Amino acid sequence: MKIIRLFISLLVVLLITSGCSSDMYGQKIAVQKRIVTEDDAFKSFNEVTEKTQVQQAIGIVKNANWENEKVDMIGHTDYQFQFLSKNSIEEELESYSLWDSENGEIIEISNNRGKYAKLTKQESADLFKILTGK
C-alpha cells in the first residue's frame, strides 16, 4: 500500500512540474535588430507577447529543417531573437540569428549551438511578420 501511495505521489509531482515547465518556456520573444555602427551592435527592436504568435514562432523554429553545421553567412546578421519566460536566465537560453533576404521572403536562421536552417517561403513570411510586425 505504501508503494502505491509513493507512486501516486511521484506521479502527481511529475505532472505538476511538467505543466509548470511548459508554461515557463516561450512566454515572449525578445527581438533585437542590428544597427549599423562601427561595432555592428544590436538594439532592442520588438517584444512579442501574443501567446498565439509566440506558439506559432516556436513551432516554426522547432519544425525547421535543421542541419548540424555552423555556416559562415555572407553579410551581417539582420536580427537576433530569443524565446524568454519570466523565470529564464538569459545566459542559458538558445539564441537565434536571422538573415533576411528580400524583406522576409526567405529567412535563414542559425542558433548558438552550431545549427542552421533555411525556412520555406511561407515559414519565412510567418516568422518575419511575428518578429518584426511587418
N, C-alpha and C. Protein backbone atom coordinates (compact mmCIF):
# COMPACT_ATOMS: atom_id res chain seq x y z
N MET A 1 0.81 -1.19 0.00
CA MET A 1 0.00 0.00 0.00
C MET A 1 0.86 1.27 0.00
N LYS A 2 1.99 1.22 0.74
CA LYS A 2 2.88 2.37 0.77
C LYS A 2 3.50 2.63 -0.59
N ILE A 3 3.78 1.57 -1.31
CA ILE A 3 4.38 1.72 -2.64
C ILE A 3 3.39 2.40 -3.59
N ILE A 4 2.13 2.04 -3.50
CA ILE A 4 1.11 2.66 -4.35
C ILE A 4 0.99 4.15 -4.03
N ARG A 5 0.97 4.50 -2.73
CA ARG A 5 0.90 5.91 -2.34
C ARG A 5 2.12 6.68 -2.83
N LEU A 6 3.29 6.06 -2.68
CA LEU A 6 4.52 6.70 -3.15
C LEU A 6 4.48 6.92 -4.66
N PHE A 7 4.03 5.91 -5.38
CA PHE A 7 3.93 6.02 -6.84
C PHE A 7 2.97 7.12 -7.25
N ILE A 8 1.80 7.17 -6.61
CA ILE A 8 0.81 8.19 -6.94
C ILE A 8 1.34 9.58 -6.60
N SER A 9 2.02 9.71 -5.46
CA SER A 9 2.60 11.00 -5.07
C SER A 9 3.63 11.46 -6.09
N LEU A 10 4.50 10.56 -6.50
CA LEU A 10 5.51 10.91 -7.50
C LEU A 10 4.87 11.30 -8.83
N LEU A 11 3.84 10.58 -9.21
CA LEU A 11 3.14 10.88 -10.45
C LEU A 11 2.51 12.27 -10.41
N VAL A 12 1.89 12.61 -9.29
CA VAL A 12 1.28 13.93 -9.14
C VAL A 12 2.34 15.02 -9.22
N VAL A 13 3.47 14.83 -8.54
CA VAL A 13 4.55 15.82 -8.57
C VAL A 13 5.08 15.99 -9.99
N LEU A 14 5.28 14.90 -10.70
CA LEU A 14 5.76 14.98 -12.08
C LEU A 14 4.77 15.71 -12.98
N LEU A 15 3.51 15.44 -12.84
CA LEU A 15 2.50 16.11 -13.66
C LEU A 15 2.46 17.61 -13.36
N ILE A 16 2.56 17.97 -12.11
CA ILE A 16 2.53 19.39 -11.75
C ILE A 16 3.76 20.10 -12.29
N THR A 17 4.94 19.52 -12.10
CA THR A 17 6.17 20.19 -12.56
C THR A 17 6.25 20.24 -14.07
N SER A 18 5.79 19.21 -14.76
CA SER A 18 5.84 19.27 -16.23
C SER A 18 4.87 20.31 -16.76
N GLY A 19 3.72 20.47 -16.14
CA GLY A 19 2.78 21.52 -16.55
C GLY A 19 3.34 22.90 -16.32
N CYS A 20 4.03 23.09 -15.23
CA CYS A 20 4.62 24.40 -14.93
C CYS A 20 5.78 24.71 -15.86
N SER A 21 6.59 23.71 -16.18
CA SER A 21 7.73 23.97 -17.04
C SER A 21 7.32 24.34 -18.45
N SER A 22 6.22 23.78 -18.96
CA SER A 22 5.79 24.16 -20.30
C SER A 22 5.29 25.59 -20.33
N ASP A 23 4.72 26.08 -19.22
CA ASP A 23 4.29 27.47 -19.16
C ASP A 23 5.46 28.42 -19.03
N MET A 24 6.58 27.95 -18.49
CA MET A 24 7.72 28.81 -18.25
C MET A 24 8.46 29.13 -19.55
N TYR A 25 8.42 28.23 -20.53
CA TYR A 25 9.17 28.42 -21.75
C TYR A 25 8.32 29.12 -22.80
N GLY A 26 8.87 30.13 -23.42
CA GLY A 26 8.21 30.74 -24.56
C GLY A 26 7.05 31.64 -24.24
N GLN A 27 7.12 32.41 -23.18
CA GLN A 27 6.04 33.34 -22.87
C GLN A 27 6.16 34.61 -23.71
N LYS A 28 7.35 34.89 -24.19
CA LYS A 28 7.53 36.05 -25.06
C LYS A 28 8.78 35.85 -25.91
N ILE A 29 8.90 36.69 -26.93
CA ILE A 29 10.07 36.65 -27.80
C ILE A 29 10.72 38.02 -27.75
N ALA A 30 12.00 38.05 -27.44
CA ALA A 30 12.76 39.29 -27.46
C ALA A 30 13.50 39.36 -28.79
N VAL A 31 13.30 40.44 -29.52
CA VAL A 31 13.90 40.60 -30.85
C VAL A 31 14.83 41.82 -30.83
N GLN A 32 16.04 41.62 -31.33
CA GLN A 32 16.99 42.72 -31.47
C GLN A 32 17.32 42.89 -32.95
N LYS A 33 17.52 44.14 -33.35
CA LYS A 33 17.85 44.45 -34.73
C LYS A 33 19.26 45.03 -34.78
N ARG A 34 20.01 44.64 -35.81
CA ARG A 34 21.36 45.16 -35.98
C ARG A 34 21.29 46.61 -36.40
N ILE A 35 22.09 47.42 -35.74
CA ILE A 35 22.20 48.82 -36.15
C ILE A 35 23.59 49.02 -36.73
N VAL A 36 23.67 49.79 -37.75
CA VAL A 36 24.93 49.99 -38.46
C VAL A 36 25.78 50.98 -37.67
N THR A 37 26.79 50.45 -37.03
CA THR A 37 27.77 51.24 -36.29
C THR A 37 29.13 50.60 -36.52
N GLU A 38 30.14 51.14 -35.87
CA GLU A 38 31.48 50.56 -36.01
C GLU A 38 31.52 49.13 -35.49
N ASP A 39 30.79 48.85 -34.43
CA ASP A 39 30.83 47.51 -33.85
C ASP A 39 29.61 46.66 -34.22
N ASP A 40 28.77 47.14 -35.12
CA ASP A 40 27.57 46.42 -35.55
C ASP A 40 26.79 45.87 -34.36
N ALA A 41 26.42 46.75 -33.47
CA ALA A 41 25.70 46.37 -32.26
C ALA A 41 24.23 46.07 -32.57
N PHE A 42 23.58 45.42 -31.63
CA PHE A 42 22.15 45.14 -31.73
C PHE A 42 21.43 45.94 -30.67
N LYS A 43 20.23 46.40 -31.02
CA LYS A 43 19.41 47.09 -30.03
C LYS A 43 18.04 46.44 -29.99
N SER A 44 17.38 46.57 -28.86
CA SER A 44 16.04 46.00 -28.72
C SER A 44 15.14 46.58 -29.80
N PHE A 45 14.41 45.71 -30.46
CA PHE A 45 13.58 46.13 -31.58
C PHE A 45 12.10 45.85 -31.32
N ASN A 46 11.81 44.66 -30.80
CA ASN A 46 10.43 44.26 -30.62
C ASN A 46 10.34 43.21 -29.52
N GLU A 47 9.20 43.16 -28.88
CA GLU A 47 8.93 42.12 -27.89
C GLU A 47 7.56 41.55 -28.23
N VAL A 48 7.52 40.27 -28.56
CA VAL A 48 6.28 39.62 -28.94
C VAL A 48 5.73 38.91 -27.71
N THR A 49 4.52 39.29 -27.30
CA THR A 49 3.91 38.69 -26.12
C THR A 49 2.59 37.99 -26.42
N GLU A 50 2.06 38.16 -27.61
CA GLU A 50 0.81 37.50 -28.02
C GLU A 50 1.06 35.99 -28.01
N LYS A 51 0.31 35.27 -27.16
CA LYS A 51 0.54 33.84 -26.94
C LYS A 51 0.48 33.01 -28.22
N THR A 52 -0.51 33.29 -29.08
CA THR A 52 -0.63 32.50 -30.31
C THR A 52 0.55 32.76 -31.26
N GLN A 53 1.02 34.00 -31.31
CA GLN A 53 2.18 34.31 -32.14
C GLN A 53 3.44 33.64 -31.60
N VAL A 54 3.61 33.67 -30.28
CA VAL A 54 4.78 33.03 -29.67
C VAL A 54 4.76 31.53 -29.95
N GLN A 55 3.60 30.90 -29.77
CA GLN A 55 3.49 29.47 -30.02
C GLN A 55 3.73 29.14 -31.50
N GLN A 56 3.24 29.98 -32.40
CA GLN A 56 3.46 29.77 -33.83
C GLN A 56 4.95 29.87 -34.17
N ALA A 57 5.62 30.87 -33.60
CA ALA A 57 7.06 31.04 -33.84
C ALA A 57 7.85 29.86 -33.29
N ILE A 58 7.48 29.39 -32.10
CA ILE A 58 8.14 28.21 -31.53
C ILE A 58 7.97 27.02 -32.46
N GLY A 59 6.77 26.84 -32.98
CA GLY A 59 6.51 25.73 -33.91
C GLY A 59 7.35 25.83 -35.17
N ILE A 60 7.45 27.01 -35.74
CA ILE A 60 8.25 27.21 -36.95
C ILE A 60 9.71 26.87 -36.69
N VAL A 61 10.24 27.37 -35.59
CA VAL A 61 11.65 27.14 -35.28
C VAL A 61 11.91 25.67 -34.96
N LYS A 62 11.05 25.06 -34.16
CA LYS A 62 11.24 23.65 -33.79
C LYS A 62 11.13 22.73 -35.00
N ASN A 63 10.22 23.05 -35.92
CA ASN A 63 9.99 22.17 -37.07
C ASN A 63 10.85 22.49 -38.29
N ALA A 64 11.75 23.45 -38.14
CA ALA A 64 12.64 23.81 -39.27
C ALA A 64 13.54 22.63 -39.60
N ASN A 65 13.99 22.59 -40.82
CA ASN A 65 14.90 21.53 -41.28
C ASN A 65 16.33 21.88 -40.86
N TRP A 66 16.67 21.59 -39.60
CA TRP A 66 17.96 21.98 -39.03
C TRP A 66 19.08 21.09 -39.52
N GLU A 67 20.19 21.71 -39.82
CA GLU A 67 21.41 21.00 -40.21
C GLU A 67 22.44 21.22 -39.12
N ASN A 68 23.20 20.19 -38.80
CA ASN A 68 24.22 20.29 -37.75
C ASN A 68 25.52 20.84 -38.31
N GLU A 69 25.48 22.08 -38.69
CA GLU A 69 26.69 22.71 -39.18
C GLU A 69 26.62 24.21 -38.93
N LYS A 70 27.76 24.74 -38.59
CA LYS A 70 27.85 26.18 -38.41
C LYS A 70 28.17 26.77 -39.78
N VAL A 71 27.42 27.77 -40.18
CA VAL A 71 27.55 28.34 -41.51
C VAL A 71 28.09 29.75 -41.41
N ASP A 72 29.05 30.06 -42.27
CA ASP A 72 29.53 31.44 -42.38
C ASP A 72 28.70 32.12 -43.45
N MET A 73 27.86 33.04 -43.01
CA MET A 73 26.95 33.70 -43.93
C MET A 73 27.62 34.93 -44.53
N ILE A 74 27.21 35.25 -45.74
CA ILE A 74 27.65 36.49 -46.37
C ILE A 74 26.78 37.60 -45.81
N GLY A 75 27.40 38.63 -45.35
CA GLY A 75 26.65 39.74 -44.77
C GLY A 75 26.43 39.55 -43.28
N HIS A 76 25.95 40.58 -42.66
CA HIS A 76 25.75 40.59 -41.22
C HIS A 76 24.38 40.04 -40.86
N THR A 77 24.28 39.55 -39.65
CA THR A 77 23.01 39.12 -39.10
C THR A 77 22.07 40.33 -39.06
N ASP A 78 20.83 40.16 -39.52
CA ASP A 78 19.88 41.26 -39.52
C ASP A 78 19.15 41.38 -38.17
N TYR A 79 18.78 40.24 -37.60
CA TYR A 79 18.06 40.23 -36.33
C TYR A 79 18.59 39.10 -35.46
N GLN A 80 18.37 39.24 -34.16
CA GLN A 80 18.60 38.17 -33.20
C GLN A 80 17.32 38.05 -32.39
N PHE A 81 17.02 36.81 -31.95
CA PHE A 81 15.84 36.65 -31.10
C PHE A 81 16.02 35.49 -30.14
N GLN A 82 15.29 35.57 -29.03
CA GLN A 82 15.28 34.52 -28.02
C GLN A 82 13.85 34.36 -27.52
N PHE A 83 13.52 33.13 -27.16
CA PHE A 83 12.25 32.86 -26.50
C PHE A 83 12.50 32.99 -25.00
N LEU A 84 11.77 33.89 -24.35
CA LEU A 84 12.00 34.17 -22.93
C LEU A 84 10.79 33.79 -22.10
N SER A 85 11.05 33.57 -20.82
CA SER A 85 9.98 33.36 -19.86
C SER A 85 10.29 34.19 -18.63
N LYS A 86 9.37 34.25 -17.71
CA LYS A 86 9.57 35.03 -16.50
C LYS A 86 10.72 34.49 -15.67
N ASN A 87 10.95 33.19 -15.74
CA ASN A 87 11.96 32.55 -14.90
C ASN A 87 13.25 32.22 -15.65
N SER A 88 13.41 32.69 -16.87
CA SER A 88 14.56 32.31 -17.67
C SER A 88 15.81 33.09 -17.28
N ILE A 89 16.93 32.43 -17.46
CA ILE A 89 18.23 33.07 -17.27
C ILE A 89 18.80 33.23 -18.67
N GLU A 90 19.01 34.48 -19.10
CA GLU A 90 19.37 34.74 -20.49
C GLU A 90 20.62 34.02 -20.94
N GLU A 91 21.61 33.83 -20.04
CA GLU A 91 22.86 33.19 -20.44
C GLU A 91 22.65 31.73 -20.85
N GLU A 92 21.58 31.12 -20.37
CA GLU A 92 21.33 29.71 -20.66
C GLU A 92 20.41 29.52 -21.85
N LEU A 93 19.86 30.58 -22.38
CA LEU A 93 18.89 30.47 -23.46
C LEU A 93 19.55 30.22 -24.80
N GLU A 94 18.80 29.55 -25.65
CA GLU A 94 19.25 29.39 -27.02
C GLU A 94 18.94 30.69 -27.75
N SER A 95 19.94 31.21 -28.42
CA SER A 95 19.81 32.46 -29.14
C SER A 95 19.83 32.15 -30.63
N TYR A 96 19.03 32.88 -31.39
CA TYR A 96 18.93 32.65 -32.82
C TYR A 96 19.37 33.90 -33.57
N SER A 97 20.12 33.69 -34.64
CA SER A 97 20.50 34.76 -35.56
C SER A 97 19.67 34.59 -36.82
N LEU A 98 19.24 35.69 -37.40
CA LEU A 98 18.35 35.64 -38.56
C LEU A 98 18.90 36.52 -39.67
N TRP A 99 18.97 35.95 -40.86
CA TRP A 99 19.36 36.69 -42.06
C TRP A 99 18.12 36.80 -42.94
N ASP A 100 17.81 38.00 -43.32
CA ASP A 100 16.62 38.28 -44.12
C ASP A 100 17.04 38.64 -45.53
N SER A 101 16.47 37.93 -46.49
CA SER A 101 16.68 38.33 -47.87
C SER A 101 15.32 38.66 -48.47
N GLU A 102 15.26 39.74 -49.16
CA GLU A 102 14.05 40.16 -49.86
C GLU A 102 12.89 40.41 -48.91
N ASN A 103 13.14 41.15 -47.84
CA ASN A 103 12.09 41.57 -46.89
C ASN A 103 11.23 40.42 -46.38
N GLY A 104 11.88 39.40 -45.88
CA GLY A 104 11.17 38.30 -45.25
C GLY A 104 10.73 37.20 -46.18
N GLU A 105 11.06 37.30 -47.47
CA GLU A 105 10.63 36.25 -48.38
C GLU A 105 11.38 34.94 -48.11
N ILE A 106 12.65 35.02 -47.87
CA ILE A 106 13.46 33.85 -47.50
C ILE A 106 14.27 34.22 -46.26
N ILE A 107 14.14 33.41 -45.23
CA ILE A 107 14.87 33.64 -43.98
C ILE A 107 15.76 32.44 -43.72
N GLU A 108 16.98 32.75 -43.29
CA GLU A 108 17.90 31.72 -42.84
C GLU A 108 18.20 32.01 -41.38
N ILE A 109 18.20 30.96 -40.55
CA ILE A 109 18.47 31.15 -39.13
C ILE A 109 19.54 30.18 -38.67
N SER A 110 20.26 30.59 -37.66
CA SER A 110 21.21 29.70 -37.00
C SER A 110 21.07 29.92 -35.51
N ASN A 111 21.53 28.94 -34.75
CA ASN A 111 21.46 29.11 -33.30
C ASN A 111 22.86 29.08 -32.71
N ASN A 112 22.94 29.34 -31.44
CA ASN A 112 24.24 29.40 -30.79
C ASN A 112 24.79 28.01 -30.47
N ARG A 113 24.16 26.98 -30.98
CA ARG A 113 24.63 25.61 -30.78
C ARG A 113 25.14 24.99 -32.08
N GLY A 114 25.39 25.84 -33.07
CA GLY A 114 26.00 25.37 -34.30
C GLY A 114 25.05 24.72 -35.29
N LYS A 115 23.78 25.07 -35.27
CA LYS A 115 22.82 24.52 -36.23
C LYS A 115 22.33 25.63 -37.15
N TYR A 116 21.90 25.24 -38.34
CA TYR A 116 21.49 26.18 -39.39
C TYR A 116 20.23 25.64 -40.06
N ALA A 117 19.33 26.55 -40.45
CA ALA A 117 18.13 26.16 -41.18
C ALA A 117 17.73 27.27 -42.15
N LYS A 118 17.24 26.85 -43.30
CA LYS A 118 16.68 27.77 -44.29
C LYS A 118 15.19 27.49 -44.32
N LEU A 119 14.38 28.50 -44.06
CA LEU A 119 12.94 28.33 -43.97
C LEU A 119 12.28 28.41 -45.34
N THR A 120 11.12 27.79 -45.46
CA THR A 120 10.35 27.89 -46.69
C THR A 120 9.81 29.32 -46.80
N LYS A 121 9.27 29.65 -47.98
CA LYS A 121 8.71 30.99 -48.17
C LYS A 121 7.59 31.27 -47.19
N GLN A 122 6.71 30.31 -46.97
CA GLN A 122 5.58 30.52 -46.05
C GLN A 122 6.08 30.65 -44.62
N GLU A 123 6.98 29.78 -44.19
CA GLU A 123 7.54 29.87 -42.83
C GLU A 123 8.27 31.20 -42.65
N SER A 124 9.02 31.59 -43.67
CA SER A 124 9.75 32.86 -43.61
C SER A 124 8.81 34.03 -43.43
N ALA A 125 7.75 34.05 -44.24
CA ALA A 125 6.79 35.15 -44.17
C ALA A 125 6.12 35.20 -42.79
N ASP A 126 5.73 34.04 -42.29
CA ASP A 126 5.06 33.98 -40.99
C ASP A 126 5.99 34.42 -39.86
N LEU A 127 7.20 33.88 -39.83
CA LEU A 127 8.14 34.23 -38.76
C LEU A 127 8.55 35.70 -38.84
N PHE A 128 8.80 36.19 -40.05
CA PHE A 128 9.19 37.59 -40.22
C PHE A 128 8.09 38.52 -39.72
N LYS A 129 6.85 38.20 -40.04
CA LYS A 129 5.73 39.05 -39.59
C LYS A 129 5.60 39.00 -38.07
N ILE A 130 5.78 37.84 -37.46
CA ILE A 130 5.69 37.73 -36.00
C ILE A 130 6.80 38.55 -35.35
N LEU A 131 8.02 38.40 -35.83
CA LEU A 131 9.16 39.04 -35.18
C LEU A 131 9.24 40.54 -35.41
N THR A 132 8.84 40.99 -36.60
CA THR A 132 9.01 42.40 -36.95
C THR A 132 7.70 43.18 -36.98
N GLY A 133 6.59 42.49 -37.07
CA GLY A 133 5.31 43.18 -37.19
C GLY A 133 5.03 43.64 -38.60
N LYS A 134 5.91 43.31 -39.56
CA LYS A 134 5.74 43.75 -40.97
C LYS A 134 5.21 42.61 -41.81
